[in-house]
């Protein structure tokens, strides 16, 4: 399920960049905002460990080579 969500988000970000609706800085800011949200999230239905894992994954997306990063720098 999580991989499907990541794939959908990746496709949406690429499409928004290709249509010039988001630029590289806006894409980076959206990812950073997600990271901060997960780092500040209080455990409830989702554990603190799951929030930390999500933040770490987004950190890798922000710094790594993937379709989202490639789109950010088209």
PDB file of N, CA and C in Angstrom:
ATOM      1  N   UNK A   1       0.814  -1.191   0.000  1.00  0.00           N
ATOM      2  CA  UNK A   1       0.000   0.000   0.000  1.00  0.00           C
ATOM      3  C   UNK A   1       0.868   1.269   0.000  1.00  0.00           C
ATOM      4  N   UNK A   2       1.881   1.288   0.819  1.00  0.00           N
ATOM      5  CA  UNK A   2       2.736   2.474   0.898  1.00  0.00           C
ATOM      6  C   UNK A   2       3.467   2.734  -0.405  1.00  0.00           C
ATOM      7  N   UNK A   3       3.909   1.672  -1.061  1.00  0.00           N
ATOM      8  CA  UNK A   3       4.611   1.863  -2.333  1.00  0.00           C
ATOM      9  C   UNK A   3       3.694   2.457  -3.381  1.00  0.00           C
ATOM     10  N   UNK A   4       2.437   2.067  -3.362  1.00  0.00           N
ATOM     11  CA  UNK A   4       1.478   2.639  -4.313  1.00  0.00           C
ATOM     12  C   UNK A   4       1.315   4.133  -4.054  1.00  0.00           C
ATOM     13  N   UNK A   5       1.230   4.522  -2.799  1.00  0.00           N
ATOM     14  CA  UNK A   5       1.081   5.938  -2.458  1.00  0.00           C
ATOM     15  C   UNK A   5       2.302   6.740  -2.901  1.00  0.00           C
ATOM     16  N   UNK A   6       3.482   6.172  -2.674  1.00  0.00           N
ATOM     17  CA  UNK A   6       4.705   6.855  -3.095  1.00  0.00           C
ATOM     18  C   UNK A   6       4.731   7.013  -4.612  1.00  0.00           C
ATOM     19  N   UNK A   7       4.364   5.968  -5.330  1.00  0.00           N
ATOM     20  CA  UNK A   7       4.365   6.025  -6.796  1.00  0.00           C
ATOM     21  C   UNK A   7       3.385   7.069  -7.319  1.00  0.00           C
ATOM     22  N   UNK A   8       2.211   7.138  -6.715  1.00  0.00           N
ATOM     23  CA  UNK A   8       1.211   8.128  -7.127  1.00  0.00           C
ATOM     24  C   UNK A   8       1.734   9.537  -6.870  1.00  0.00           C
ATOM     25  N   UNK A   9       2.286   9.771  -5.690  1.00  0.00           N
ATOM     26  CA  UNK A   9       2.818  11.099  -5.359  1.00  0.00           C
ATOM     27  C   UNK A   9       3.968  11.474  -6.275  1.00  0.00           C
ATOM     28  N   UNK A  10       4.835  10.515  -6.542  1.00  0.00           N
ATOM     29  CA  UNK A  10       5.950  10.769  -7.445  1.00  0.00           C
ATOM     30  C   UNK A  10       5.437  11.193  -8.819  1.00  0.00           C
ATOM     31  N   UNK A  11       4.461  10.476  -9.336  1.00  0.00           N
ATOM     32  CA  UNK A  11       3.891  10.810 -10.647  1.00  0.00           C
ATOM     33  C   UNK A  11       3.242  12.186 -10.646  1.00  0.00           C
ATOM     34  N   UNK A  12       2.540  12.519  -9.573  1.00  0.00           N
ATOM     35  CA  UNK A  12       1.902  13.832  -9.475  1.00  0.00           C
ATOM     36  C   UNK A  12       2.938  14.953  -9.440  1.00  0.00           C
ATOM     37  N   UNK A  13       3.995  14.758  -8.680  1.00  0.00           N
ATOM     38  CA  UNK A  13       5.034  15.790  -8.600  1.00  0.00           C
ATOM     39  C   UNK A  13       5.697  15.983  -9.958  1.00  0.00           C
ATOM     40  N   UNK A  14       6.009  14.889 -10.633  1.00  0.00           N
ATOM     41  CA  UNK A  14       6.621  14.983 -11.955  1.00  0.00           C
ATOM     42  C   UNK A  14       5.690  15.726 -12.915  1.00  0.00           C
ATOM     43  N   UNK A  15       4.405  15.381 -12.893  1.00  0.00           N
ATOM     44  CA  UNK A  15       3.435  16.034 -13.782  1.00  0.00           C
ATOM     45  C   UNK A  15       3.319  17.530 -13.471  1.00  0.00           C
ATOM     46  N   UNK A  16       3.287  17.894 -12.196  1.00  0.00           N
ATOM     47  CA  UNK A  16       3.197  19.307 -11.819  1.00  0.00           C
ATOM     48  C   UNK A  16       4.432  20.072 -12.274  1.00  0.00           C
ATOM     49  N   UNK A  17       5.596  19.459 -12.181  1.00  0.00           N
ATOM     50  CA  UNK A  17       6.829  20.104 -12.624  1.00  0.00           C
ATOM     51  C   UNK A  17       6.838  20.252 -14.143  1.00  0.00           C
ATOM     52  N   UNK A  18       6.458  19.186 -14.848  1.00  0.00           N
ATOM     53  CA  UNK A  18       6.465  19.239 -16.308  1.00  0.00           C
ATOM     54  C   UNK A  18       5.497  20.293 -16.835  1.00  0.00           C
ATOM     55  N   UNK A  19       4.415  20.519 -16.134  1.00  0.00           N
ATOM     56  CA  UNK A  19       3.433  21.523 -16.549  1.00  0.00           C
ATOM     57  C   UNK A  19       3.765  22.909 -15.996  1.00  0.00           C
ATOM     58  N   UNK A  20       4.932  23.007 -15.361  1.00  0.00           N
ATOM     59  CA  UNK A  20       5.425  24.267 -14.802  1.00  0.00           C
ATOM     60  C   UNK A  20       4.491  24.861 -13.747  1.00  0.00           C
ATOM     61  N   UNK A  21       3.827  23.977 -13.003  1.00  0.00           N
ATOM     62  CA  UNK A  21       2.976  24.411 -11.906  1.00  0.00           C
ATOM     63  C   UNK A  21       3.749  24.449 -10.589  1.00  0.00           C
ATOM     64  N   UNK A  22       4.858  23.711 -10.524  1.00  0.00           N
ATOM     65  CA  UNK A  22       5.775  23.742  -9.385  1.00  0.00           C
ATOM     66  C   UNK A  22       7.190  23.859  -9.932  1.00  0.00           C
ATOM     67  N   UNK A  23       8.028  24.641  -9.232  1.00  0.00           N
ATOM     68  CA  UNK A  23       9.434  24.673  -9.614  1.00  0.00           C
ATOM     69  C   UNK A  23      10.231  23.840  -8.606  1.00  0.00           C
ATOM     70  N   UNK A  24      11.533  23.723  -8.832  1.00  0.00           N
ATOM     71  CA  UNK A  24      12.374  22.872  -7.992  1.00  0.00           C
ATOM     72  C   UNK A  24      12.322  23.280  -6.522  1.00  0.00           C
ATOM     73  N   UNK A  25      12.339  24.570  -6.247  1.00  0.00           N
ATOM     74  CA  UNK A  25      12.291  25.039  -4.858  1.00  0.00           C
ATOM     75  C   UNK A  25      10.975  24.667  -4.188  1.00  0.00           C
ATOM     76  N   UNK A  26       9.871  24.762  -4.927  1.00  0.00           N
ATOM     77  CA  UNK A  26       8.568  24.405  -4.360  1.00  0.00           C
ATOM     78  C   UNK A  26       8.466  22.907  -4.087  1.00  0.00           C
ATOM     79  N   UNK A  27       9.053  22.109  -4.946  1.00  0.00           N
ATOM     80  CA  UNK A  27       9.061  20.663  -4.721  1.00  0.00           C
ATOM     81  C   UNK A  27       9.883  20.341  -3.474  1.00  0.00           C
ATOM     82  N   UNK A  28      11.063  20.938  -3.365  1.00  0.00           N
ATOM     83  CA  UNK A  28      11.897  20.730  -2.184  1.00  0.00           C
ATOM     84  C   UNK A  28      11.168  21.164  -0.921  1.00  0.00           C
ATOM     85  N   UNK A  29      10.505  22.308  -0.977  1.00  0.00           N
ATOM     86  CA  UNK A  29       9.783  22.815   0.191  1.00  0.00           C
ATOM     87  C   UNK A  29       8.645  21.874   0.594  1.00  0.00           C
ATOM     88  N   UNK A  30       7.942  21.326  -0.375  1.00  0.00           N
ATOM     89  CA  UNK A  30       6.858  20.384  -0.065  1.00  0.00           C
ATOM     90  C   UNK A  30       7.412  19.148   0.634  1.00  0.00           C
ATOM     91  N   UNK A  31       8.541  18.651   0.165  1.00  0.00           N
ATOM     92  CA  UNK A  31       9.148  17.475   0.796  1.00  0.00           C
ATOM     93  C   UNK A  31       9.639  17.831   2.200  1.00  0.00           C
ATOM     94  N   UNK A  32      10.288  18.983   2.348  1.00  0.00           N
ATOM     95  CA  UNK A  32      10.754  19.411   3.676  1.00  0.00           C
ATOM     96  C   UNK A  32       9.588  19.595   4.651  1.00  0.00           C
ATOM     97  N   UNK A  33       8.486  20.123   4.162  1.00  0.00           N
ATOM     98  CA  UNK A  33       7.308  20.295   5.003  1.00  0.00           C
ATOM     99  C   UNK A  33       6.786  18.942   5.491  1.00  0.00           C
ATOM    100  N   UNK A  34       6.781  17.959   4.609  1.00  0.00           N
ATOM    101  CA  UNK A  34       6.368  16.616   5.000  1.00  0.00           C
ATOM    102  C   UNK A  34       7.286  16.016   6.050  1.00  0.00           C
ATOM    103  N   UNK A  35       8.584  16.232   5.867  1.00  0.00           N
ATOM    104  CA  UNK A  35       9.563  15.737   6.838  1.00  0.00           C
ATOM    105  C   UNK A  35       9.295  16.357   8.210  1.00  0.00           C
ATOM    106  N   UNK A  36       9.138  17.672   8.240  1.00  0.00           N
ATOM    107  CA  UNK A  36       8.897  18.368   9.504  1.00  0.00           C
ATOM    108  C   UNK A  36       7.605  17.897  10.155  1.00  0.00           C
ATOM    109  N   UNK A  37       6.586  17.684   9.370  1.00  0.00           N
ATOM    110  CA  UNK A  37       5.306  17.211   9.923  1.00  0.00           C
ATOM    111  C   UNK A  37       5.467  15.863  10.603  1.00  0.00           C
ATOM    112  N   UNK A  38       6.196  14.959   9.969  1.00  0.00           N
ATOM    113  CA  UNK A  38       6.392  13.640  10.572  1.00  0.00           C
ATOM    114  C   UNK A  38       7.303  13.699  11.788  1.00  0.00           C
ATOM    115  N   UNK A  39       8.267  14.608  11.780  1.00  0.00           N
ATOM    116  CA  UNK A  39       9.171  14.726  12.921  1.00  0.00           C
ATOM    117  C   UNK A  39       8.455  15.294  14.144  1.00  0.00           C
ATOM    118  N   UNK A  40       7.435  16.125  13.914  1.00  0.00           N
ATOM    119  CA  UNK A  40       6.689  16.742  15.017  1.00  0.00           C
ATOM    120  C   UNK A  40       5.450  15.945  15.417  1.00  0.00           C
ATOM    121  N   UNK A  41       5.078  14.947  14.635  1.00  0.00           N
ATOM    122  CA  UNK A  41       3.820  14.239  14.854  1.00  0.00           C
ATOM    123  C   UNK A  41       3.819  13.486  16.182  1.00  0.00           C
ATOM    124  N   UNK A  42       2.701  13.562  16.829  1.00  0.00           N
ATOM    125  CA  UNK A  42       2.494  12.811  18.064  1.00  0.00           C
ATOM    126  C   UNK A  42       1.994  11.417  17.700  1.00  0.00           C
ATOM    127  N   UNK A  43       2.551  10.390  18.325  1.00  0.00           N
ATOM    128  CA  UNK A  43       2.067   9.044  18.031  1.00  0.00           C
ATOM    129  C   UNK A  43       0.608   8.890  18.444  1.00  0.00           C
ATOM    130  N   UNK A  44      -0.167   8.317  17.585  1.00  0.00           N
ATOM    131  CA  UNK A  44      -1.570   8.016  17.888  1.00  0.00           C
ATOM    132  C   UNK A  44      -1.871   6.692  17.207  1.00  0.00           C
ATOM    133  N   UNK A  45      -2.593   6.748  16.114  1.00  0.00           N
ATOM    134  CA  UNK A  45      -2.831   5.536  15.339  1.00  0.00           C
ATOM    135  C   UNK A  45      -1.523   5.089  14.685  1.00  0.00           C
ATOM    136  N   UNK A  46      -0.688   6.066  14.339  1.00  0.00           N
ATOM    137  CA  UNK A  46       0.609   5.806  13.727  1.00  0.00           C
ATOM    138  C   UNK A  46       1.685   5.975  14.796  1.00  0.00           C
ATOM    139  N   UNK A  47       2.551   4.985  14.929  1.00  0.00           N
ATOM    140  CA  UNK A  47       3.584   5.017  15.965  1.00  0.00           C
ATOM    141  C   UNK A  47       4.654   6.069  15.668  1.00  0.00           C
ATOM    142  N   UNK A  48       5.378   6.443  16.703  1.00  0.00           N
ATOM    143  CA  UNK A  48       6.488   7.381  16.554  1.00  0.00           C
ATOM    144  C   UNK A  48       7.535   6.798  15.602  1.00  0.00           C
ATOM    145  N   UNK A  49       7.748   5.492  15.673  1.00  0.00           N
ATOM    146  CA  UNK A  49       8.717   4.838  14.790  1.00  0.00           C
ATOM    147  C   UNK A  49       8.292   4.950  13.324  1.00  0.00           C
ATOM    148  N   UNK A  50       7.002   4.796  13.052  1.00  0.00           N
ATOM    149  CA  UNK A  50       6.508   4.910  11.682  1.00  0.00           C
ATOM    150  C   UNK A  50       6.672   6.333  11.168  1.00  0.00           C
ATOM    151  N   UNK A  51       6.403   7.323  12.026  1.00  0.00           N
ATOM    152  CA  UNK A  51       6.618   8.718  11.628  1.00  0.00           C
ATOM    153  C   UNK A  51       8.092   8.966  11.333  1.00  0.00           C
ATOM    154  N   UNK A  52       8.974   8.427  12.167  1.00  0.00           N
ATOM    155  CA  UNK A  52      10.415   8.594  11.948  1.00  0.00           C
ATOM    156  C   UNK A  52      10.841   7.922  10.646  1.00  0.00           C
ATOM    157  N   UNK A  53      10.302   6.745  10.370  1.00  0.00           N
ATOM    158  CA  UNK A  53      10.615   6.053   9.118  1.00  0.00           C
ATOM    159  C   UNK A  53      10.168   6.876   7.912  1.00  0.00           C
ATOM    160  N   UNK A  54       8.981   7.467   7.996  1.00  0.00           N
ATOM    161  CA  UNK A  54       8.473   8.290   6.900  1.00  0.00           C
ATOM    162  C   UNK A  54       9.370   9.505   6.678  1.00  0.00           C
ATOM    163  N   UNK A  55       9.781  10.143   7.769  1.00  0.00           N
ATOM    164  CA  UNK A  55      10.671  11.304   7.661  1.00  0.00           C
ATOM    165  C   UNK A  55      12.005  10.901   7.034  1.00  0.00           C
ATOM    166  N   UNK A  56      12.539   9.755   7.430  1.00  0.00           N
ATOM    167  CA  UNK A  56      13.808   9.292   6.858  1.00  0.00           C
ATOM    168  C   UNK A  56      13.672   8.994   5.369  1.00  0.00           C
ATOM    169  N   UNK A  57      12.562   8.402   4.970  1.00  0.00           N
ATOM    170  CA  UNK A  57      12.340   8.117   3.552  1.00  0.00           C
ATOM    171  C   UNK A  57      12.284   9.414   2.755  1.00  0.00           C
ATOM    172  N   UNK A  58      11.585  10.414   3.277  1.00  0.00           N
ATOM    173  CA  UNK A  58      11.503  11.696   2.577  1.00  0.00           C
ATOM    174  C   UNK A  58      12.860  12.387   2.525  1.00  0.00           C
ATOM    175  N   UNK A  59      13.675  12.216   3.566  1.00  0.00           N
ATOM    176  CA  UNK A  59      15.048  12.751   3.537  1.00  0.00           C
ATOM    177  C   UNK A  59      15.834  12.116   2.390  1.00  0.00           C
ATOM    178  N   UNK A  60      15.669  10.805   2.214  1.00  0.00           N
ATOM    179  CA  UNK A  60      16.374  10.126   1.121  1.00  0.00           C
ATOM    180  C   UNK A  60      15.867  10.618  -0.230  1.00  0.00           C
ATOM    181  N   UNK A  61      14.571  10.862  -0.335  1.00  0.00           N
ATOM    182  CA  UNK A  61      14.012  11.397  -1.580  1.00  0.00           C
ATOM    183  C   UNK A  61      14.591  12.782  -1.847  1.00  0.00           C
ATOM    184  N   UNK A  62      14.681  13.604  -0.802  1.00  0.00           N
ATOM    185  CA  UNK A  62      15.181  14.972  -0.951  1.00  0.00           C
ATOM    186  C   UNK A  62      16.637  14.997  -1.395  1.00  0.00           C
ATOM    187  N   UNK A  63      17.424  14.049  -0.942  1.00  0.00           N
ATOM    188  CA  UNK A  63      18.857  14.069  -1.234  1.00  0.00           C
ATOM    189  C   UNK A  63      19.283  13.053  -2.287  1.00  0.00           C
ATOM    190  N   UNK A  64      18.376  12.174  -2.685  1.00  0.00           N
ATOM    191  CA  UNK A  64      18.752  11.074  -3.566  1.00  0.00           C
ATOM    192  C   UNK A  64      18.467  11.311  -5.030  1.00  0.00           C
ATOM    193  N   UNK A  65      18.800  10.301  -5.798  1.00  0.00           N
ATOM    194  CA  UNK A  65      18.537  10.305  -7.236  1.00  0.00           C
ATOM    195  C   UNK A  65      17.303   9.457  -7.506  1.00  0.00           C
ATOM    196  N   UNK A  66      16.218  10.102  -7.862  1.00  0.00           N
ATOM    197  CA  UNK A  66      14.977   9.405  -8.189  1.00  0.00           C
ATOM    198  C   UNK A  66      14.166  10.293  -9.119  1.00  0.00           C
ATOM    199  N   UNK A  67      13.018   9.827  -9.523  1.00  0.00           N
ATOM    200  CA  UNK A  67      12.205  10.580 -10.474  1.00  0.00           C
ATOM    201  C   UNK A  67      11.783  11.944  -9.938  1.00  0.00           C
ATOM    202  N   UNK A  68      11.501  12.025  -8.646  1.00  0.00           N
ATOM    203  CA  UNK A  68      11.099  13.313  -8.067  1.00  0.00           C
ATOM    204  C   UNK A  68      12.253  14.308  -8.162  1.00  0.00           C
ATOM    205  N   UNK A  69      13.450  13.885  -7.805  1.00  0.00           N
ATOM    206  CA  UNK A  69      14.611  14.773  -7.887  1.00  0.00           C
ATOM    207  C   UNK A  69      14.914  15.135  -9.328  1.00  0.00           C
ATOM    208  N   UNK A  70      14.799  14.167 -10.219  1.00  0.00           N
ATOM    209  CA  UNK A  70      15.040  14.434 -11.635  1.00  0.00           C
ATOM    210  C   UNK A  70      14.036  15.465 -12.145  1.00  0.00           C
ATOM    211  N   UNK A  71      12.787  15.338 -11.746  1.00  0.00           N
ATOM    212  CA  UNK A  71      11.752  16.283 -12.175  1.00  0.00           C
ATOM    213  C   UNK A  71      12.021  17.674 -11.617  1.00  0.00           C
ATOM    214  N   UNK A  72      12.508  17.733 -10.411  1.00  0.00           N
ATOM    215  CA  UNK A  72      12.770  19.030  -9.786  1.00  0.00           C
ATOM    216  C   UNK A  72      13.818  19.824 -10.545  1.00  0.00           C
ATOM    217  N   UNK A  73      14.659  19.111 -11.263  1.00  0.00           N
ATOM    218  CA  UNK A  73      15.764  19.797 -11.931  1.00  0.00           C
ATOM    219  C   UNK A  73      15.666  19.725 -13.457  1.00  0.00           C
ATOM    220  N   UNK A  74      14.449  19.529 -13.972  1.00  0.00           N
ATOM    221  CA  UNK A  74      14.243  19.528 -15.438  1.00  0.00           C
ATOM    222  C   UNK A  74      14.493  20.917 -15.986  1.00  0.00           C
TER     223      UNK A  74
END
